[in-house]
Amino acid sequence: MARSSTKKSARRSLLALIVVILGLGGLVGGLTVWGGGSTTPRLGLDLEGGTELVLQPVLVGTEKINEGQVNRAVDIIRQRIDANGVSEAEIATQGGQNIVVSIPGTPSPEQLDAIRKPSQLRFRAVYVQALDTNATQVNPGGTATGTPTPSGAATTPATGTPSAPVTGTPSTSA
């Protein structure tokens, strides 16, 4: 008897394993066919290759670009590339002023135009006005001075009891 129940248990376990494997296979197949999936993985920039753009800022006159401006431009370009749905794009600076954008695969013309369009970044000088540290403060401690004075006549509180209780339902008017 013991031998028969172990065979049944083994067969049930094997049958359950086969059902699970077939179920997972059906799920993967269904997602591939109807879910827009693919049986091959998407290759990244290192395996598939791609497109590389070198963006240069347009300088007016004798303007100079600092590292902070280039980093802000990289952040802006990264946000715009991510908004276009380009995944795994690499964005780096080159030579302190150029921005190199590497995109895996073959991007659409619309994606390339969207990347090139914001690449015409213009840098301008920002003049900051310094605060006068010698200026006198009106009230440096933040405390009030003087004596308080009343601003109106005091009213006497109402005394007595109400003559009738107030009853009724509230009404609203539109």
N, C-alpha and C. Protein backbone atom coordinates (compact mmCIF):
# COMPACT_ATOMS: atom_id res chain seq x y z
N MET A 1 0.80 -1.19 0.00
CA MET A 1 0.00 0.00 0.00
C MET A 1 0.85 1.26 0.00
N ALA A 2 1.92 1.27 0.76
CA ALA A 2 2.75 2.45 0.85
C ALA A 2 3.38 2.78 -0.48
N ARG A 3 3.70 1.74 -1.23
CA ARG A 3 4.33 1.94 -2.51
C ARG A 3 3.37 2.57 -3.51
N SER A 4 2.16 2.21 -3.48
CA SER A 4 1.15 2.73 -4.38
C SER A 4 0.87 4.21 -4.09
N SER A 5 0.82 4.60 -2.82
CA SER A 5 0.55 6.00 -2.49
C SER A 5 1.74 6.90 -2.83
N THR A 6 2.97 6.41 -2.75
CA THR A 6 4.12 7.23 -3.15
C THR A 6 4.15 7.41 -4.66
N LYS A 7 3.74 6.39 -5.42
CA LYS A 7 3.67 6.53 -6.86
C LYS A 7 2.60 7.57 -7.24
N LYS A 8 1.47 7.51 -6.56
CA LYS A 8 0.41 8.48 -6.83
C LYS A 8 0.87 9.89 -6.48
N SER A 9 1.57 10.02 -5.37
CA SER A 9 2.07 11.33 -4.95
C SER A 9 3.09 11.87 -5.94
N ALA A 10 3.97 11.00 -6.43
CA ALA A 10 4.96 11.41 -7.42
C ALA A 10 4.29 11.81 -8.72
N ARG A 11 3.29 11.05 -9.14
CA ARG A 11 2.58 11.37 -10.38
C ARG A 11 1.83 12.70 -10.25
N ARG A 12 1.22 12.93 -9.10
CA ARG A 12 0.52 14.20 -8.88
C ARG A 12 1.50 15.37 -8.91
N SER A 13 2.64 15.20 -8.29
CA SER A 13 3.65 16.27 -8.28
C SER A 13 4.15 16.54 -9.69
N LEU A 14 4.42 15.46 -10.46
CA LEU A 14 4.87 15.62 -11.83
C LEU A 14 3.80 16.29 -12.68
N LEU A 15 2.56 15.88 -12.50
CA LEU A 15 1.46 16.48 -13.25
C LEU A 15 1.30 17.97 -12.89
N ALA A 16 1.42 18.30 -11.61
CA ALA A 16 1.32 19.70 -11.19
C ALA A 16 2.46 20.52 -11.78
N LEU A 17 3.67 19.97 -11.82
CA LEU A 17 4.82 20.67 -12.41
C LEU A 17 4.60 20.90 -13.89
N ILE A 18 4.09 19.91 -14.60
CA ILE A 18 3.83 20.06 -16.03
C ILE A 18 2.76 21.12 -16.27
N VAL A 19 1.72 21.13 -15.45
CA VAL A 19 0.66 22.14 -15.60
C VAL A 19 1.22 23.54 -15.36
N VAL A 20 2.07 23.71 -14.36
CA VAL A 20 2.66 25.02 -14.07
C VAL A 20 3.55 25.46 -15.23
N ILE A 21 4.37 24.56 -15.77
CA ILE A 21 5.26 24.91 -16.89
C ILE A 21 4.44 25.28 -18.12
N LEU A 22 3.40 24.50 -18.43
CA LEU A 22 2.55 24.83 -19.57
C LEU A 22 1.81 26.15 -19.36
N GLY A 23 1.39 26.41 -18.15
CA GLY A 23 0.72 27.68 -17.84
C GLY A 23 1.64 28.87 -18.04
N LEU A 24 2.87 28.76 -17.56
CA LEU A 24 3.83 29.85 -17.75
C LEU A 24 4.18 30.03 -19.22
N GLY A 25 4.32 28.91 -19.94
CA GLY A 25 4.58 29.00 -21.38
C GLY A 25 3.44 29.68 -22.11
N GLY A 26 2.21 29.32 -21.75
CA GLY A 26 1.05 29.97 -22.36
C GLY A 26 0.98 31.45 -22.03
N LEU A 27 1.33 31.81 -20.81
CA LEU A 27 1.33 33.22 -20.41
C LEU A 27 2.35 34.02 -21.21
N VAL A 28 3.57 33.50 -21.34
CA VAL A 28 4.61 34.18 -22.12
C VAL A 28 4.19 34.28 -23.58
N GLY A 29 3.64 33.19 -24.13
CA GLY A 29 3.19 33.22 -25.52
C GLY A 29 2.06 34.21 -25.73
N GLY A 30 1.12 34.24 -24.81
CA GLY A 30 0.01 35.18 -24.93
C GLY A 30 0.46 36.62 -24.83
N LEU A 31 1.37 36.90 -23.92
CA LEU A 31 1.88 38.27 -23.80
C LEU A 31 2.68 38.67 -25.03
N THR A 32 3.38 37.72 -25.63
CA THR A 32 4.15 38.02 -26.83
C THR A 32 3.23 38.33 -28.00
N VAL A 33 2.20 37.54 -28.17
CA VAL A 33 1.31 37.71 -29.32
C VAL A 33 0.36 38.89 -29.13
N TRP A 34 -0.32 38.95 -27.99
CA TRP A 34 -1.36 39.96 -27.79
C TRP A 34 -0.93 41.14 -26.93
N GLY A 35 0.16 41.02 -26.23
CA GLY A 35 0.58 42.09 -25.34
C GLY A 35 1.63 43.01 -25.92
N GLY A 36 2.02 42.80 -27.16
CA GLY A 36 3.02 43.66 -27.77
C GLY A 36 4.43 43.33 -27.31
N GLY A 37 4.63 42.16 -26.75
CA GLY A 37 5.96 41.75 -26.28
C GLY A 37 6.79 41.19 -27.42
N SER A 38 7.99 40.80 -27.10
CA SER A 38 8.90 40.24 -28.08
C SER A 38 9.65 39.07 -27.46
N THR A 39 9.95 38.08 -28.28
CA THR A 39 10.70 36.94 -27.76
C THR A 39 12.19 37.23 -27.71
N THR A 40 12.64 38.25 -28.41
CA THR A 40 14.06 38.61 -28.37
C THR A 40 14.22 39.86 -27.51
N PRO A 41 15.26 39.93 -26.73
CA PRO A 41 15.45 41.12 -25.89
C PRO A 41 15.89 42.32 -26.72
N ARG A 42 15.58 43.50 -26.21
CA ARG A 42 16.05 44.73 -26.86
C ARG A 42 17.51 44.93 -26.51
N LEU A 43 18.32 45.09 -27.52
CA LEU A 43 19.75 45.25 -27.30
C LEU A 43 20.05 46.70 -26.95
N GLY A 44 21.00 46.88 -26.08
CA GLY A 44 21.38 48.22 -25.66
C GLY A 44 22.39 48.84 -26.61
N LEU A 45 22.87 49.99 -26.23
CA LEU A 45 23.81 50.75 -27.04
C LEU A 45 25.11 50.00 -27.26
N ASP A 46 25.55 49.24 -26.26
CA ASP A 46 26.83 48.54 -26.38
C ASP A 46 26.75 47.34 -27.32
N LEU A 47 25.60 46.71 -27.49
CA LEU A 47 25.48 45.54 -28.35
C LEU A 47 24.91 45.87 -29.73
N GLU A 48 23.96 46.77 -29.79
CA GLU A 48 23.28 47.06 -31.04
C GLU A 48 23.96 48.17 -31.83
N GLY A 49 24.62 49.07 -31.15
CA GLY A 49 25.13 50.25 -31.82
C GLY A 49 24.07 51.33 -31.80
N GLY A 50 24.31 52.41 -32.47
CA GLY A 50 23.30 53.45 -32.46
C GLY A 50 23.78 54.72 -33.13
N THR A 51 23.21 55.81 -32.71
CA THR A 51 23.49 57.13 -33.28
C THR A 51 24.13 58.00 -32.22
N GLU A 52 25.12 58.76 -32.64
CA GLU A 52 25.80 59.67 -31.72
C GLU A 52 25.70 61.09 -32.27
N LEU A 53 25.25 61.99 -31.43
CA LEU A 53 25.15 63.40 -31.79
C LEU A 53 26.09 64.20 -30.91
N VAL A 54 26.82 65.13 -31.50
CA VAL A 54 27.67 66.04 -30.74
C VAL A 54 27.05 67.43 -30.86
N LEU A 55 26.60 67.96 -29.73
CA LEU A 55 25.93 69.26 -29.70
C LEU A 55 26.89 70.31 -29.19
N GLN A 56 26.97 71.43 -29.93
CA GLN A 56 27.85 72.52 -29.54
C GLN A 56 27.01 73.75 -29.24
N PRO A 57 27.33 74.47 -28.16
CA PRO A 57 26.56 75.68 -27.86
C PRO A 57 26.91 76.81 -28.83
N VAL A 58 25.95 77.67 -29.06
CA VAL A 58 26.16 78.85 -29.90
C VAL A 58 26.55 80.00 -28.98
N LEU A 59 27.74 80.53 -29.20
CA LEU A 59 28.25 81.62 -28.36
C LEU A 59 28.10 82.94 -29.11
N VAL A 60 27.74 83.98 -28.39
CA VAL A 60 27.60 85.31 -28.97
C VAL A 60 28.74 86.17 -28.43
N GLY A 61 29.53 86.72 -29.33
CA GLY A 61 30.61 87.60 -28.91
C GLY A 61 31.71 86.85 -28.17
N THR A 62 32.09 87.38 -27.02
CA THR A 62 33.19 86.79 -26.25
C THR A 62 32.67 86.04 -25.03
N GLU A 63 31.49 85.46 -25.14
CA GLU A 63 30.92 84.74 -24.01
C GLU A 63 31.74 83.51 -23.68
N LYS A 64 31.75 83.17 -22.42
CA LYS A 64 32.42 81.96 -21.96
C LYS A 64 31.37 81.08 -21.28
N ILE A 65 31.58 79.79 -21.33
CA ILE A 65 30.66 78.84 -20.73
C ILE A 65 31.33 78.22 -19.52
N ASN A 66 30.59 78.15 -18.41
CA ASN A 66 31.16 77.48 -17.24
C ASN A 66 30.55 76.09 -17.11
N GLU A 67 31.09 75.31 -16.20
CA GLU A 67 30.68 73.92 -16.02
C GLU A 67 29.22 73.81 -15.57
N GLY A 68 28.78 74.74 -14.74
CA GLY A 68 27.40 74.70 -14.26
C GLY A 68 26.40 74.86 -15.39
N GLN A 69 26.70 75.74 -16.34
CA GLN A 69 25.80 75.94 -17.48
C GLN A 69 25.73 74.69 -18.35
N VAL A 70 26.88 74.04 -18.55
CA VAL A 70 26.90 72.82 -19.36
C VAL A 70 26.12 71.71 -18.65
N ASN A 71 26.27 71.60 -17.34
CA ASN A 71 25.54 70.57 -16.59
C ASN A 71 24.03 70.81 -16.64
N ARG A 72 23.62 72.07 -16.56
CA ARG A 72 22.19 72.38 -16.68
C ARG A 72 21.67 72.03 -18.07
N ALA A 73 22.48 72.31 -19.10
CA ALA A 73 22.09 71.96 -20.46
C ALA A 73 21.96 70.45 -20.63
N VAL A 74 22.87 69.69 -20.01
CA VAL A 74 22.79 68.22 -20.06
C VAL A 74 21.51 67.75 -19.39
N ASP A 75 21.16 68.33 -18.25
CA ASP A 75 19.92 67.95 -17.56
C ASP A 75 18.69 68.24 -18.42
N ILE A 76 18.67 69.39 -19.07
CA ILE A 76 17.54 69.76 -19.92
C ILE A 76 17.42 68.81 -21.10
N ILE A 77 18.55 68.49 -21.74
CA ILE A 77 18.54 67.58 -22.88
C ILE A 77 18.11 66.19 -22.43
N ARG A 78 18.57 65.75 -21.26
CA ARG A 78 18.18 64.42 -20.73
C ARG A 78 16.66 64.36 -20.51
N GLN A 79 16.08 65.44 -19.96
CA GLN A 79 14.63 65.46 -19.75
C GLN A 79 13.88 65.40 -21.07
N ARG A 80 14.37 66.10 -22.07
CA ARG A 80 13.68 66.11 -23.37
C ARG A 80 13.83 64.78 -24.09
N ILE A 81 14.96 64.11 -23.94
CA ILE A 81 15.14 62.80 -24.56
C ILE A 81 14.25 61.78 -23.87
N ASP A 82 14.20 61.82 -22.54
CA ASP A 82 13.34 60.89 -21.80
C ASP A 82 11.87 61.11 -22.15
N ALA A 83 11.48 62.36 -22.40
CA ALA A 83 10.09 62.66 -22.76
C ALA A 83 9.73 62.08 -24.12
N ASN A 84 10.73 61.88 -24.99
CA ASN A 84 10.47 61.31 -26.31
C ASN A 84 10.44 59.80 -26.30
N GLY A 85 10.68 59.17 -25.17
CA GLY A 85 10.60 57.72 -25.07
C GLY A 85 11.86 56.99 -25.48
N VAL A 86 12.97 57.68 -25.60
CA VAL A 86 14.24 57.04 -25.94
C VAL A 86 14.82 56.45 -24.66
N SER A 87 15.02 55.13 -24.66
CA SER A 87 15.54 54.50 -23.44
C SER A 87 17.03 54.25 -23.58
N GLU A 88 17.70 54.27 -22.47
CA GLU A 88 19.13 53.99 -22.35
C GLU A 88 20.00 54.93 -23.17
N ALA A 89 19.60 56.17 -23.33
CA ALA A 89 20.44 57.14 -24.01
C ALA A 89 21.55 57.58 -23.06
N GLU A 90 22.74 57.75 -23.61
CA GLU A 90 23.87 58.20 -22.81
C GLU A 90 24.17 59.65 -23.18
N ILE A 91 24.28 60.50 -22.17
CA ILE A 91 24.54 61.91 -22.39
C ILE A 91 25.75 62.29 -21.56
N ALA A 92 26.77 62.86 -22.19
CA ALA A 92 28.00 63.22 -21.49
C ALA A 92 28.54 64.52 -22.07
N THR A 93 29.43 65.15 -21.31
CA THR A 93 30.08 66.36 -21.80
C THR A 93 31.43 65.99 -22.39
N GLN A 94 31.88 66.80 -23.33
CA GLN A 94 33.15 66.56 -23.99
C GLN A 94 33.88 67.89 -24.13
N GLY A 95 35.06 67.97 -23.59
CA GLY A 95 35.86 69.18 -23.73
C GLY A 95 35.34 70.37 -22.96
N GLY A 96 34.47 70.18 -22.02
CA GLY A 96 33.98 71.26 -21.19
C GLY A 96 32.86 72.08 -21.80
N GLN A 97 32.57 71.90 -23.10
CA GLN A 97 31.48 72.68 -23.68
C GLN A 97 30.61 71.87 -24.64
N ASN A 98 31.10 70.81 -25.24
CA ASN A 98 30.29 69.98 -26.13
C ASN A 98 29.49 68.97 -25.33
N ILE A 99 28.34 68.61 -25.85
CA ILE A 99 27.48 67.60 -25.22
C ILE A 99 27.32 66.46 -26.22
N VAL A 100 27.69 65.25 -25.80
CA VAL A 100 27.61 64.07 -26.66
C VAL A 100 26.39 63.25 -26.24
N VAL A 101 25.50 62.99 -27.20
CA VAL A 101 24.29 62.21 -26.96
C VAL A 101 24.39 60.94 -27.79
N SER A 102 24.37 59.77 -27.12
CA SER A 102 24.42 58.48 -27.81
C SER A 102 23.08 57.78 -27.60
N ILE A 103 22.45 57.39 -28.73
CA ILE A 103 21.12 56.79 -28.68
C ILE A 103 21.20 55.39 -29.28
N PRO A 104 20.70 54.36 -28.57
CA PRO A 104 20.74 53.01 -29.14
C PRO A 104 19.76 52.84 -30.29
N GLY A 105 20.14 51.98 -31.24
CA GLY A 105 19.25 51.68 -32.37
C GLY A 105 19.22 52.82 -33.37
N THR A 106 18.19 52.82 -34.17
CA THR A 106 18.00 53.86 -35.17
C THR A 106 16.81 54.71 -34.75
N PRO A 107 17.08 55.91 -34.24
CA PRO A 107 15.96 56.76 -33.81
C PRO A 107 15.19 57.29 -35.02
N SER A 108 13.93 57.62 -34.78
CA SER A 108 13.09 58.17 -35.84
C SER A 108 13.52 59.61 -36.13
N PRO A 109 13.18 60.11 -37.31
CA PRO A 109 13.52 61.50 -37.63
C PRO A 109 12.91 62.50 -36.65
N GLU A 110 11.72 62.18 -36.12
CA GLU A 110 11.08 63.08 -35.15
C GLU A 110 11.90 63.15 -33.86
N GLN A 111 12.44 62.00 -33.44
CA GLN A 111 13.25 61.98 -32.23
C GLN A 111 14.54 62.76 -32.44
N LEU A 112 15.17 62.60 -33.60
CA LEU A 112 16.40 63.35 -33.88
C LEU A 112 16.12 64.85 -33.94
N ASP A 113 15.02 65.24 -34.56
CA ASP A 113 14.67 66.66 -34.63
C ASP A 113 14.41 67.23 -33.24
N ALA A 114 13.76 66.44 -32.39
CA ALA A 114 13.48 66.91 -31.03
C ALA A 114 14.77 67.08 -30.24
N ILE A 115 15.76 66.24 -30.50
CA ILE A 115 17.04 66.37 -29.79
C ILE A 115 17.84 67.53 -30.34
N ARG A 116 17.83 67.70 -31.65
CA ARG A 116 18.61 68.79 -32.26
C ARG A 116 18.01 70.15 -31.95
N LYS A 117 16.70 70.22 -31.93
CA LYS A 117 16.04 71.51 -31.72
C LYS A 117 16.44 72.14 -30.39
N PRO A 118 16.35 71.43 -29.26
CA PRO A 118 16.77 72.07 -28.01
C PRO A 118 18.28 72.15 -27.85
N SER A 119 19.03 71.62 -28.83
CA SER A 119 20.47 71.67 -28.68
C SER A 119 21.02 73.06 -29.00
N GLN A 120 20.18 73.93 -29.52
CA GLN A 120 20.62 75.29 -29.79
C GLN A 120 20.43 76.14 -28.54
N LEU A 121 21.15 75.78 -27.52
CA LEU A 121 21.04 76.49 -26.25
C LEU A 121 21.90 77.74 -26.29
N ARG A 122 21.36 78.81 -25.80
CA ARG A 122 22.12 80.06 -25.75
C ARG A 122 22.43 80.37 -24.30
N PHE A 123 23.68 80.66 -24.04
CA PHE A 123 24.11 80.99 -22.69
C PHE A 123 24.27 82.50 -22.60
N ARG A 124 23.85 83.04 -21.48
CA ARG A 124 23.99 84.48 -21.29
C ARG A 124 24.48 84.74 -19.88
N ALA A 125 25.13 85.84 -19.74
CA ALA A 125 25.67 86.19 -18.43
C ALA A 125 24.54 86.67 -17.53
N VAL A 126 24.61 86.33 -16.28
CA VAL A 126 23.63 86.76 -15.29
C VAL A 126 24.36 87.62 -14.28
N TYR A 127 23.91 88.86 -14.15
CA TYR A 127 24.54 89.77 -13.21
C TYR A 127 23.79 89.71 -11.90
N VAL A 128 24.52 89.49 -10.82
CA VAL A 128 23.92 89.37 -9.50
C VAL A 128 24.27 90.62 -8.72
N GLN A 129 23.26 91.25 -8.13
CA GLN A 129 23.49 92.44 -7.34
C GLN A 129 23.73 92.00 -5.90
N ALA A 130 24.85 92.43 -5.34
CA ALA A 130 25.19 92.04 -3.97
C ALA A 130 24.37 92.85 -2.98
N LEU A 131 24.05 92.24 -1.86
CA LEU A 131 23.33 92.93 -0.80
C LEU A 131 24.29 93.81 -0.02
N ASP A 132 23.81 94.97 0.42
CA ASP A 132 24.63 95.88 1.21
C ASP A 132 24.65 95.39 2.65
N THR A 133 25.81 94.93 3.11
CA THR A 133 25.91 94.40 4.48
C THR A 133 25.98 95.50 5.52
N ASN A 134 26.25 96.73 5.12
CA ASN A 134 26.35 97.84 6.07
C ASN A 134 25.03 98.58 6.25
N ALA A 135 23.99 98.14 5.58
CA ALA A 135 22.70 98.82 5.70
C ALA A 135 22.15 98.65 7.11
N THR A 136 21.50 99.71 7.60
CA THR A 136 20.96 99.64 8.96
C THR A 136 19.60 98.97 8.92
N GLN A 137 19.34 98.20 9.93
CA GLN A 137 18.06 97.53 10.03
C GLN A 137 17.11 98.39 10.86
N VAL A 138 15.86 98.38 10.48
CA VAL A 138 14.87 99.19 11.19
C VAL A 138 14.64 98.63 12.58
N ASN A 139 14.48 97.34 12.71
CA ASN A 139 14.22 96.71 14.00
C ASN A 139 15.00 95.40 14.04
N PRO A 140 16.30 95.44 14.37
CA PRO A 140 17.12 94.24 14.24
C PRO A 140 16.74 93.12 15.19
N GLY A 141 16.25 93.41 16.38
CA GLY A 141 15.94 92.35 17.35
C GLY A 141 14.58 91.72 17.12
N GLY A 142 13.73 92.37 16.41
CA GLY A 142 12.40 91.84 16.16
C GLY A 142 11.47 92.00 17.34
N THR A 143 11.76 92.95 18.26
CA THR A 143 10.89 93.15 19.42
C THR A 143 10.17 94.48 19.27
N ALA A 144 9.00 94.57 19.87
CA ALA A 144 8.21 95.80 19.81
C ALA A 144 8.69 96.77 20.89
N THR A 145 8.59 98.04 20.60
CA THR A 145 8.96 99.06 21.58
C THR A 145 7.74 99.92 21.86
N GLY A 146 7.71 100.59 23.01
CA GLY A 146 6.61 101.47 23.36
C GLY A 146 5.61 100.76 24.25
N THR A 147 4.51 101.47 24.52
CA THR A 147 3.47 100.89 25.38
C THR A 147 2.22 100.67 24.56
N PRO A 148 1.49 99.61 24.86
CA PRO A 148 0.27 99.35 24.09
C PRO A 148 -0.83 100.33 24.47
N THR A 149 -1.60 100.73 23.50
CA THR A 149 -2.73 101.63 23.75
C THR A 149 -3.98 100.99 23.16
N PRO A 150 -5.11 101.15 23.83
CA PRO A 150 -6.34 100.57 23.28
C PRO A 150 -6.76 101.33 22.03
N SER A 151 -7.40 100.62 21.12
CA SER A 151 -7.78 101.25 19.86
C SER A 151 -9.26 101.53 19.76
N GLY A 152 -10.06 101.17 20.74
CA GLY A 152 -11.49 101.43 20.63
C GLY A 152 -12.13 101.34 22.00
N ALA A 153 -13.42 101.67 22.05
CA ALA A 153 -14.14 101.62 23.32
C ALA A 153 -14.54 100.19 23.62
N ALA A 154 -14.47 99.82 24.88
CA ALA A 154 -14.85 98.48 25.29
C ALA A 154 -16.36 98.38 25.36
N THR A 155 -16.88 97.23 25.03
CA THR A 155 -18.33 97.02 25.12
C THR A 155 -18.61 96.13 26.31
N THR A 156 -19.78 96.32 26.89
CA THR A 156 -20.13 95.50 28.05
C THR A 156 -20.78 94.22 27.56
N PRO A 157 -20.49 93.09 28.20
CA PRO A 157 -21.07 91.83 27.75
C PRO A 157 -22.57 91.78 28.05
N ALA A 158 -23.29 91.04 27.26
CA ALA A 158 -24.74 90.90 27.44
C ALA A 158 -25.00 90.02 28.66
N THR A 159 -26.01 90.39 29.41
CA THR A 159 -26.37 89.62 30.60
C THR A 159 -27.83 89.24 30.50
N GLY A 160 -28.24 88.25 31.25
CA GLY A 160 -29.64 87.85 31.27
C GLY A 160 -29.81 86.49 30.63
N THR A 161 -31.07 86.09 30.48
CA THR A 161 -31.39 84.80 29.87
C THR A 161 -32.24 85.03 28.65
N PRO A 162 -32.18 84.12 27.69
CA PRO A 162 -33.01 84.32 26.50
C PRO A 162 -34.48 84.15 26.85
N SER A 163 -35.32 84.92 26.17
CA SER A 163 -36.75 84.90 26.49
C SER A 163 -37.44 83.67 25.93
N ALA A 164 -36.97 83.13 24.81
CA ALA A 164 -37.60 81.93 24.24
C ALA A 164 -36.52 81.11 23.55
N PRO A 165 -36.67 79.79 23.58
CA PRO A 165 -35.67 78.97 22.89
C PRO A 165 -35.79 79.13 21.38
N VAL A 166 -34.67 79.02 20.71
CA VAL A 166 -34.64 79.15 19.25
C VAL A 166 -34.82 77.76 18.65
N THR A 167 -35.82 77.62 17.80
CA THR A 167 -36.07 76.33 17.14
C THR A 167 -36.26 76.57 15.67
N GLY A 168 -36.21 75.51 14.91
CA GLY A 168 -36.42 75.62 13.47
C GLY A 168 -35.37 74.82 12.72
N THR A 169 -35.49 74.85 11.40
CA THR A 169 -34.53 74.15 10.56
C THR A 169 -33.75 75.17 9.77
N PRO A 170 -32.49 74.90 9.57
CA PRO A 170 -31.70 75.85 8.79
C PRO A 170 -32.13 75.83 7.33
N SER A 171 -32.09 76.96 6.69
CA SER A 171 -32.46 77.03 5.28
C SER A 171 -31.29 77.62 4.51
N THR A 172 -31.19 77.19 3.28
CA THR A 172 -30.13 77.73 2.42
C THR A 172 -30.79 78.41 1.25
N SER A 173 -30.22 79.47 0.83
CA SER A 173 -30.74 80.18 -0.34
C SER A 173 -29.65 80.22 -1.39
N ALA A 174 -30.06 79.99 -2.61
CA ALA A 174 -29.07 79.95 -3.68
C ALA A 174 -28.94 81.28 -4.34
